[in-house]
Amino acid sequence: MNRRHFFRQAATAGVGAAAATALTAPLAAPAIAQENPKLSWRMTSSFTKNTDILFTASTEIAESVKEASDGNFTIETYAAGEIVPGLQAADAVAAGTVEMAHSCCYYYIGKDPTFALGTAVPFGLNARQTNAWFSVGGGNELINDFLAGYNLYALPAGNTGAQMGGWFRKEINTIDDLKGLKMRIAGLAGQVMQKVGVTPQQIAGGDVYAALEKGTIDATEFVGPYDDRKLGFVKVAKYYYYPAWWEGGPAVHAFFNLEKFKALPKSYQRMLKDACANANTNMLARYDAHNAKALKQLVAEGAVLKPFSQEILDASYQAAQEVYAEITAKNQTFKKIYDSQQEFKKDGYLWNQIAEYTYDTYMMVQQRKGTL
């Protein structure tokens, strides 16, 4: 080390051997060892390796931490099912089976509907608003105050952007066409869909294709064109609807066992925070870069692209307000976080209307004219 070399030279030059020895041997090496301990963690994902943009976020976090720590802090990553099923990833973290998970909060609404607010709720925040709410709107603190009761701490580590409304085996034109359908759909969206006649099913991503192929379900939502094409949904359900009004900007989180995270050196905590922030940005960029091309390919392969009708959107919006009223009436934690998001959303869409929406609308007109 340069520091030791300096002190050895200083002693030789007459600074004093005793002083040099006192400053180097007893203090420097133990301090460095304490600040950069050798640690090996495990991270289980809720996603399979064939959904590579989602799964890559976990490996990217591990690589960043390993590099930043000079190899002292390593994290082994595991796909859904390799340690625990995908929908049990955060449970494994809370129990201490693994130290980390990469998952979505809303997979765990069976414990408390408040979990949904950590990912996305129907007619909620878009991707930019979600990131802004977490980072500067108090969202991260609110969610982690809630998660502490489950021995969890979480950091945003991905966002897919607005998703597609899913794949249907038959055409959906009116609200009546939804009645009786069995649909794979997660989070509070399932409760909203239930109000308009759908029977919601929560199925891990790796099992969706088989369920759709066998007719166990009639429809599914997942993410968007890039992942949907890789999973082959167009082969078993050709009607492809948009948008996913239930997921305007869903966050994916890195979950940590709370006690183990708190016990880390501050430098390692900072490495994890920086790694998660980087993965968060990169996931959205990758989806923005790949979805359009994949959508064109899906249409070429037979997908029938259709928007949800205004009737379906309006009925779903009304059903969502009923769900929120029911939950907030009896769950104060949900109400506190939901109210925070609602206030943030109002200002967010005000700004969107003034600048973003106006600009995007003009550019879409140019695209239709063929001038882009």
Protein backbone atom coordinates (compact mmCIF):
# COMPACT_ATOMS: atom_id res chain seq x y z
CA MET A 1 0.00 0.00 0.00
CA ASN A 2 1.22 3.58 -0.73
CA ARG A 3 0.43 4.62 2.81
CA ARG A 4 2.68 1.98 4.32
CA HIS A 5 5.41 2.78 1.85
CA PHE A 6 5.25 6.43 2.86
CA PHE A 7 5.60 5.65 6.54
CA ARG A 8 8.53 3.33 5.95
CA GLN A 9 10.30 6.12 4.08
CA ALA A 10 9.44 8.61 6.78
CA ALA A 11 10.96 6.36 9.44
CA THR A 12 14.12 5.91 7.42
CA ALA A 13 14.37 9.68 7.02
CA GLY A 14 14.34 10.13 10.76
CA VAL A 15 10.67 10.89 11.50
CA GLY A 16 10.80 8.17 14.10
CA ALA A 17 10.39 4.42 13.87
CA ALA A 18 8.09 4.25 16.87
CA ALA A 19 5.67 6.81 15.47
CA ALA A 20 5.59 5.11 12.08
CA THR A 21 4.95 1.72 13.62
CA ALA A 22 2.14 3.08 15.77
CA LEU A 23 0.43 4.71 12.82
CA THR A 24 0.65 1.77 10.46
CA ALA A 25 0.66 -1.73 11.86
CA PRO A 26 -1.95 -1.48 14.65
CA LEU A 27 -4.44 0.73 12.82
CA ALA A 28 -4.42 0.57 9.02
CA ALA A 29 -4.83 -3.12 8.29
CA PRO A 30 -7.62 -3.82 10.81
CA ALA A 31 -9.53 -0.71 9.67
CA ILE A 32 -9.41 -1.78 6.04
CA ALA A 33 -10.50 -5.32 6.89
CA GLN A 34 -13.41 -4.04 8.93
CA GLU A 35 -14.61 -1.67 6.20
CA ASN A 36 -14.32 -4.23 3.38
CA PRO A 37 -15.18 -7.63 4.83
CA LYS A 38 -15.43 -10.69 2.65
CA LEU A 39 -19.14 -11.35 2.16
CA SER A 40 -21.04 -13.78 -0.03
CA TRP A 41 -24.79 -13.25 -0.46
CA ARG A 42 -27.49 -14.99 -2.47
CA MET A 43 -30.23 -13.26 -4.48
CA THR A 44 -33.28 -15.12 -5.75
CA SER A 45 -35.35 -13.69 -8.59
CA SER A 46 -39.05 -13.84 -9.36
CA PHE A 47 -38.13 -14.05 -13.04
CA THR A 48 -36.82 -16.75 -15.34
CA LYS A 49 -33.70 -16.34 -17.44
CA ASN A 50 -35.65 -16.26 -20.71
CA THR A 51 -37.20 -12.95 -19.61
CA ASP A 52 -33.71 -11.59 -19.93
CA ILE A 53 -34.29 -7.86 -19.39
CA LEU A 54 -36.00 -8.56 -16.08
CA PHE A 55 -33.48 -11.16 -14.96
CA THR A 56 -30.46 -9.18 -16.15
CA ALA A 57 -31.20 -6.49 -13.57
CA SER A 58 -30.28 -8.91 -10.79
CA THR A 59 -27.03 -10.03 -12.40
CA GLU A 60 -26.20 -6.41 -13.16
CA ILE A 61 -26.58 -5.50 -9.47
CA ALA A 62 -24.30 -8.37 -8.50
CA GLU A 63 -21.65 -7.40 -11.04
CA SER A 64 -21.69 -3.75 -9.96
CA VAL A 65 -21.25 -4.61 -6.29
CA LYS A 66 -18.46 -7.10 -6.98
CA GLU A 67 -16.55 -4.57 -9.06
CA ALA A 68 -17.07 -1.70 -6.60
CA SER A 69 -15.89 -3.83 -3.68
CA ASP A 70 -12.85 -5.21 -5.49
CA GLY A 71 -14.37 -8.67 -5.24
CA ASN A 72 -14.90 -8.59 -1.48
CA PHE A 73 -18.71 -8.48 -1.68
CA THR A 74 -20.16 -11.10 -4.03
CA ILE A 75 -23.79 -11.92 -4.77
CA GLU A 76 -24.84 -15.17 -6.43
CA THR A 77 -28.02 -14.78 -8.50
CA TYR A 78 -30.68 -17.47 -8.94
CA ALA A 79 -33.63 -17.54 -11.31
CA ALA A 80 -37.18 -18.25 -10.23
CA GLY A 81 -37.53 -21.84 -9.06
CA GLU A 82 -33.84 -22.49 -8.49
CA ILE A 83 -34.13 -21.81 -4.75
CA VAL A 84 -37.79 -20.93 -4.22
CA PRO A 85 -40.76 -20.37 -6.57
CA GLY A 86 -40.85 -16.92 -8.15
CA LEU A 87 -43.82 -15.70 -6.12
CA GLN A 88 -42.09 -16.59 -2.85
CA ALA A 89 -38.89 -14.63 -3.43
CA ALA A 90 -39.50 -11.87 -0.86
CA ASP A 91 -40.77 -14.43 1.65
CA ALA A 92 -37.42 -16.20 1.44
CA VAL A 93 -35.66 -12.90 2.16
CA ALA A 94 -37.84 -12.09 5.15
CA ALA A 95 -37.22 -15.57 6.58
CA GLY A 96 -33.45 -15.27 6.10
CA THR A 97 -33.25 -18.14 3.60
CA VAL A 98 -31.49 -15.73 1.24
CA GLU A 99 -30.21 -12.22 1.81
CA MET A 100 -31.77 -10.63 -1.29
CA ALA A 101 -34.47 -10.99 -3.91
CA HIS A 102 -35.42 -9.25 -7.15
CA SER A 103 -39.18 -9.16 -7.30
CA CYS A 104 -42.35 -7.06 -7.46
CA CYS A 105 -44.11 -5.82 -4.34
CA TYR A 106 -47.56 -6.53 -5.71
CA TYR A 107 -46.93 -10.27 -5.81
CA TYR A 108 -47.50 -10.23 -2.05
CA ILE A 109 -50.84 -8.44 -1.76
CA GLY A 110 -52.26 -11.58 -0.14
CA LYS A 111 -50.50 -10.38 3.01
CA ASP A 112 -51.66 -6.76 2.71
CA PRO A 113 -52.97 -4.76 -0.28
CA THR A 114 -50.46 -2.04 0.60
CA PHE A 115 -47.81 -4.15 -1.16
CA ALA A 116 -49.41 -3.21 -4.48
CA LEU A 117 -48.44 0.44 -4.05
CA GLY A 118 -44.78 -0.52 -4.22
CA THR A 119 -45.18 -1.72 -7.81
CA ALA A 120 -48.20 -0.24 -9.60
CA VAL A 121 -51.92 0.19 -9.13
CA PRO A 122 -54.68 0.64 -11.74
CA PHE A 123 -54.72 4.13 -13.27
CA GLY A 124 -51.73 5.08 -11.15
CA LEU A 125 -48.34 6.67 -11.83
CA ASN A 126 -46.46 6.34 -15.09
CA ALA A 127 -42.81 5.27 -15.13
CA ARG A 128 -41.26 8.71 -14.76
CA GLN A 129 -43.69 9.66 -12.02
CA THR A 130 -43.01 6.37 -10.23
CA ASN A 131 -39.26 6.99 -10.21
CA ALA A 132 -39.74 10.59 -9.12
CA TRP A 133 -42.13 9.62 -6.32
CA PHE A 134 -39.70 7.04 -4.97
CA SER A 135 -36.62 9.24 -5.17
CA VAL A 136 -37.87 12.73 -4.24
CA GLY A 137 -41.55 12.36 -3.39
CA GLY A 138 -41.08 10.41 -0.18
CA GLY A 139 -42.15 7.12 -1.71
CA ASN A 140 -39.09 5.13 -0.77
CA GLU A 141 -39.41 6.11 2.87
CA LEU A 142 -43.13 5.33 2.96
CA ILE A 143 -42.75 1.91 1.37
CA ASN A 144 -39.85 0.95 3.60
CA ASP A 145 -41.66 2.05 6.75
CA PHE A 146 -44.33 -0.44 5.72
CA LEU A 147 -41.91 -3.20 4.69
CA ALA A 148 -40.03 -2.99 7.99
CA GLY A 149 -42.95 -4.83 9.57
CA TYR A 150 -42.04 -7.80 7.36
CA ASN A 151 -38.29 -7.64 8.08
CA LEU A 152 -37.69 -6.24 4.58
CA TYR A 153 -35.95 -3.24 3.06
CA ALA A 154 -36.32 -2.47 -0.64
CA LEU A 155 -34.82 -0.29 -3.35
CA PRO A 156 -36.24 0.36 -6.84
CA ALA A 157 -34.27 -1.82 -9.24
CA GLY A 158 -36.21 -1.75 -12.49
CA ASN A 159 -39.22 -0.36 -14.30
CA THR A 160 -40.80 -1.72 -17.46
CA GLY A 161 -42.66 1.43 -18.49
CA ALA A 162 -46.31 1.28 -19.49
CA GLN A 163 -47.23 -2.31 -20.28
CA MET A 164 -49.56 -3.93 -22.78
CA GLY A 165 -53.10 -4.95 -21.90
CA GLY A 166 -52.47 -8.58 -22.64
CA TRP A 167 -53.34 -11.54 -24.84
CA PHE A 168 -56.89 -12.83 -25.29
CA ARG A 169 -58.09 -15.95 -27.00
CA LYS A 170 -61.16 -14.12 -28.23
CA GLU A 171 -61.96 -10.56 -29.27
CA ILE A 172 -62.96 -8.17 -26.47
CA ASN A 173 -65.19 -5.34 -27.68
CA THR A 174 -67.53 -4.60 -24.78
CA ILE A 175 -67.48 -4.96 -21.03
CA ASP A 176 -69.75 -7.99 -21.38
CA ASP A 177 -67.05 -9.79 -23.36
CA LEU A 178 -64.90 -9.83 -20.22
CA LYS A 179 -67.44 -11.61 -18.08
CA GLY A 180 -66.49 -15.14 -17.16
CA LEU A 181 -62.94 -14.90 -18.52
CA LYS A 182 -60.13 -16.49 -16.51
CA MET A 183 -57.17 -14.10 -16.75
CA ARG A 184 -53.66 -14.20 -15.33
CA ILE A 185 -53.31 -10.78 -13.75
CA ALA A 186 -51.43 -9.65 -10.65
CA GLY A 187 -51.91 -7.02 -7.97
CA LEU A 188 -54.98 -4.93 -7.34
CA ALA A 189 -55.78 -5.13 -11.05
CA GLY A 190 -57.11 -8.60 -10.35
CA GLN A 191 -59.60 -7.17 -7.84
CA VAL A 192 -60.66 -4.50 -10.34
CA MET A 193 -61.05 -7.07 -13.10
CA GLN A 194 -63.12 -9.20 -10.76
CA LYS A 195 -65.58 -6.33 -10.39
CA VAL A 196 -66.13 -6.26 -14.15
CA GLY A 197 -66.65 -10.03 -14.37
CA VAL A 198 -63.18 -11.51 -14.84
CA THR A 199 -61.86 -14.37 -12.69
CA PRO A 200 -58.27 -13.33 -11.86
CA GLN A 201 -55.47 -15.88 -11.63
CA GLN A 202 -52.00 -15.25 -10.16
CA ILE A 203 -49.49 -17.38 -12.04
CA ALA A 204 -45.71 -17.02 -12.17
CA GLY A 205 -44.36 -15.83 -15.53
CA GLY A 206 -42.70 -19.13 -16.37
CA ASP A 207 -46.02 -21.00 -16.10
CA VAL A 208 -48.23 -18.64 -18.11
CA TYR A 209 -47.71 -20.08 -21.60
CA ALA A 210 -48.68 -23.61 -20.56
CA ALA A 211 -51.78 -22.36 -18.76
CA LEU A 212 -52.88 -20.38 -21.79
CA GLU A 213 -52.14 -23.24 -24.18
CA LYS A 214 -54.10 -25.75 -22.10
CA GLY A 215 -57.06 -23.39 -21.68
CA THR A 216 -56.57 -23.17 -17.92
CA ILE A 217 -56.78 -19.42 -18.51
CA ASP A 218 -58.42 -17.45 -21.34
CA ALA A 219 -56.16 -14.42 -21.24
CA THR A 220 -52.95 -13.16 -19.75
CA GLU A 221 -51.07 -9.95 -19.23
CA PHE A 222 -47.34 -10.02 -18.72
CA VAL A 223 -45.13 -7.09 -19.68
CA GLY A 224 -44.88 -5.94 -23.25
CA PRO A 225 -43.86 -6.90 -26.79
CA TYR A 226 -40.23 -7.84 -26.10
CA ASP A 227 -40.98 -10.33 -23.32
CA ASP A 228 -44.30 -11.44 -24.78
CA ARG A 229 -42.66 -12.43 -28.04
CA LYS A 230 -39.95 -14.42 -26.29
CA LEU A 231 -42.63 -16.26 -24.30
CA GLY A 232 -44.54 -17.12 -27.48
CA PHE A 233 -47.99 -15.91 -26.43
CA VAL A 234 -48.95 -15.07 -30.02
CA LYS A 235 -49.02 -18.81 -30.76
CA VAL A 236 -51.86 -19.47 -28.32
CA ALA A 237 -53.82 -16.19 -28.14
CA LYS A 238 -53.78 -13.81 -31.09
CA TYR A 239 -55.69 -10.75 -29.81
CA TYR A 240 -53.22 -8.28 -28.32
CA TYR A 241 -54.76 -5.38 -26.40
CA TYR A 242 -53.40 -2.10 -25.08
CA PRO A 243 -52.80 -0.33 -22.78
CA ALA A 244 -52.36 -2.02 -19.41
CA TRP A 245 -54.30 0.57 -17.44
CA TRP A 246 -53.24 -1.33 -14.34
CA GLU A 247 -49.49 -0.88 -14.95
CA GLY A 248 -48.56 2.56 -16.21
CA GLY A 249 -45.06 2.38 -14.74
CA PRO A 250 -44.53 -0.69 -12.55
CA ALA A 251 -41.47 -0.74 -10.30
CA VAL A 252 -39.40 -3.84 -9.70
CA HIS A 253 -37.50 -3.91 -6.41
CA ALA A 254 -34.42 -5.41 -4.86
CA PHE A 255 -35.53 -6.73 -1.48
CA PHE A 256 -33.10 -7.14 1.40
CA ASN A 257 -33.41 -8.86 4.72
CA LEU A 258 -33.74 -5.77 6.91
CA GLU A 259 -31.42 -6.89 9.70
CA LYS A 260 -28.74 -8.07 7.30
CA PHE A 261 -28.88 -4.85 5.30
CA LYS A 262 -28.58 -2.72 8.44
CA ALA A 263 -25.58 -4.79 9.56
CA LEU A 264 -23.63 -4.03 6.37
CA PRO A 265 -20.81 -1.48 6.39
CA LYS A 266 -22.05 1.88 5.11
CA SER A 267 -19.82 1.51 2.08
CA TYR A 268 -21.55 -1.75 1.10
CA GLN A 269 -24.99 -0.21 1.63
CA ARG A 270 -23.97 2.60 -0.72
CA MET A 271 -22.73 0.12 -3.31
CA LEU A 272 -26.10 -1.66 -3.26
CA LYS A 273 -28.02 1.61 -3.54
CA ASP A 274 -25.92 2.74 -6.48
CA ALA A 275 -26.14 -0.65 -8.18
CA CYS A 276 -29.93 -0.73 -7.84
CA ALA A 277 -30.28 2.82 -9.17
CA ASN A 278 -28.21 1.86 -12.22
CA ALA A 279 -30.27 -1.30 -12.82
CA ASN A 280 -33.45 0.75 -12.45
CA THR A 281 -32.41 3.14 -15.21
CA ASN A 282 -31.10 0.43 -17.51
CA MET A 283 -34.21 -1.75 -17.39
CA LEU A 284 -36.48 1.03 -18.64
CA ALA A 285 -33.97 2.00 -21.32
CA ARG A 286 -33.77 -1.58 -22.59
CA TYR A 287 -37.55 -1.93 -22.84
CA ASP A 288 -37.82 1.42 -24.63
CA ALA A 289 -35.13 0.29 -27.05
CA HIS A 290 -36.57 -3.16 -27.84
CA ASN A 291 -40.36 -3.03 -27.53
CA ALA A 292 -41.16 -1.26 -30.81
CA LYS A 293 -39.21 -3.71 -32.95
CA ALA A 294 -40.74 -6.66 -31.10
CA LEU A 295 -44.24 -5.25 -31.60
CA LYS A 296 -43.72 -5.08 -35.38
CA GLN A 297 -42.50 -8.67 -35.35
CA LEU A 298 -45.53 -9.84 -33.35
CA VAL A 299 -47.94 -8.26 -35.81
CA ALA A 300 -46.05 -9.94 -38.66
CA GLU A 301 -46.45 -13.25 -36.82
CA GLY A 302 -50.23 -12.88 -36.59
CA ALA A 303 -50.97 -10.75 -33.54
CA VAL A 304 -54.13 -8.69 -33.91
CA LEU A 305 -53.35 -5.36 -32.24
CA LYS A 306 -56.37 -3.63 -30.70
CA PRO A 307 -57.02 -0.89 -28.12
CA PHE A 308 -59.40 -1.43 -25.22
CA SER A 309 -62.69 0.32 -25.99
CA GLN A 310 -63.66 3.51 -24.16
CA GLU A 311 -66.49 1.54 -22.54
CA ILE A 312 -64.04 -0.95 -21.04
CA LEU A 313 -61.67 1.77 -19.86
CA ASP A 314 -64.46 3.78 -18.23
CA ALA A 315 -65.99 0.74 -16.52
CA SER A 316 -62.56 -0.35 -15.29
CA TYR A 317 -61.76 3.14 -13.97
CA GLN A 318 -65.00 3.21 -12.01
CA ALA A 319 -64.34 -0.27 -10.64
CA ALA A 320 -60.84 0.84 -9.56
CA GLN A 321 -62.25 3.77 -7.59
CA GLU A 322 -64.60 1.39 -5.81
CA VAL A 323 -61.70 -0.90 -4.88
CA TYR A 324 -59.69 2.02 -3.51
CA ALA A 325 -62.63 3.29 -1.48
CA GLU A 326 -63.15 -0.15 0.05
CA ILE A 327 -59.48 -0.60 0.98
CA THR A 328 -58.80 2.90 2.29
CA ALA A 329 -61.86 2.68 4.53
CA LYS A 330 -60.27 -0.12 6.54
CA ASN A 331 -56.50 0.06 5.92
CA GLN A 332 -54.85 3.27 7.13
CA THR A 333 -51.38 2.28 5.95
CA PHE A 334 -52.67 1.77 2.43
CA LYS A 335 -54.55 5.08 2.62
CA LYS A 336 -51.45 7.01 3.70
CA ILE A 337 -49.33 5.74 0.83
CA TYR A 338 -52.14 5.84 -1.73
CA ASP A 339 -52.94 9.46 -0.84
CA SER A 340 -49.27 10.36 -1.28
CA GLN A 341 -49.25 8.83 -4.76
CA GLN A 342 -52.51 10.54 -5.72
CA GLU A 343 -51.22 13.98 -4.78
CA PHE A 344 -47.99 13.35 -6.63
CA LYS A 345 -49.90 12.12 -9.68
CA LYS A 346 -52.00 15.28 -9.93
CA ASP A 347 -48.98 17.50 -10.28
CA GLY A 348 -47.27 14.96 -12.51
CA TYR A 349 -50.05 14.93 -15.08
CA LEU A 350 -50.40 18.70 -14.92
CA TRP A 351 -46.77 18.97 -16.02
CA ASN A 352 -47.22 16.20 -18.60
CA GLN A 353 -50.09 18.10 -20.23
CA ILE A 354 -48.10 21.32 -20.48
CA ALA A 355 -44.90 19.93 -21.94
CA GLU A 356 -44.55 16.18 -22.45
CA TYR A 357 -48.00 15.42 -23.89
CA THR A 358 -47.95 18.43 -26.23
CA TYR A 359 -44.53 17.52 -27.55
CA ASP A 360 -45.32 13.81 -27.91
CA THR A 361 -48.60 14.52 -29.69
CA TYR A 362 -46.91 16.77 -32.23
CA MET A 363 -44.19 14.21 -32.90
CA MET A 364 -46.77 11.44 -33.36
CA VAL A 365 -48.48 13.58 -36.00
CA GLN A 366 -45.16 13.87 -37.83
CA GLN A 367 -44.74 10.12 -37.61
CA ARG A 368 -48.15 9.57 -39.20
CA LYS A 369 -47.19 11.99 -41.95
CA GLY A 370 -44.03 10.01 -42.54
CA THR A 371 -41.78 12.99 -41.88
CA LEU A 372 -39.80 11.47 -38.99
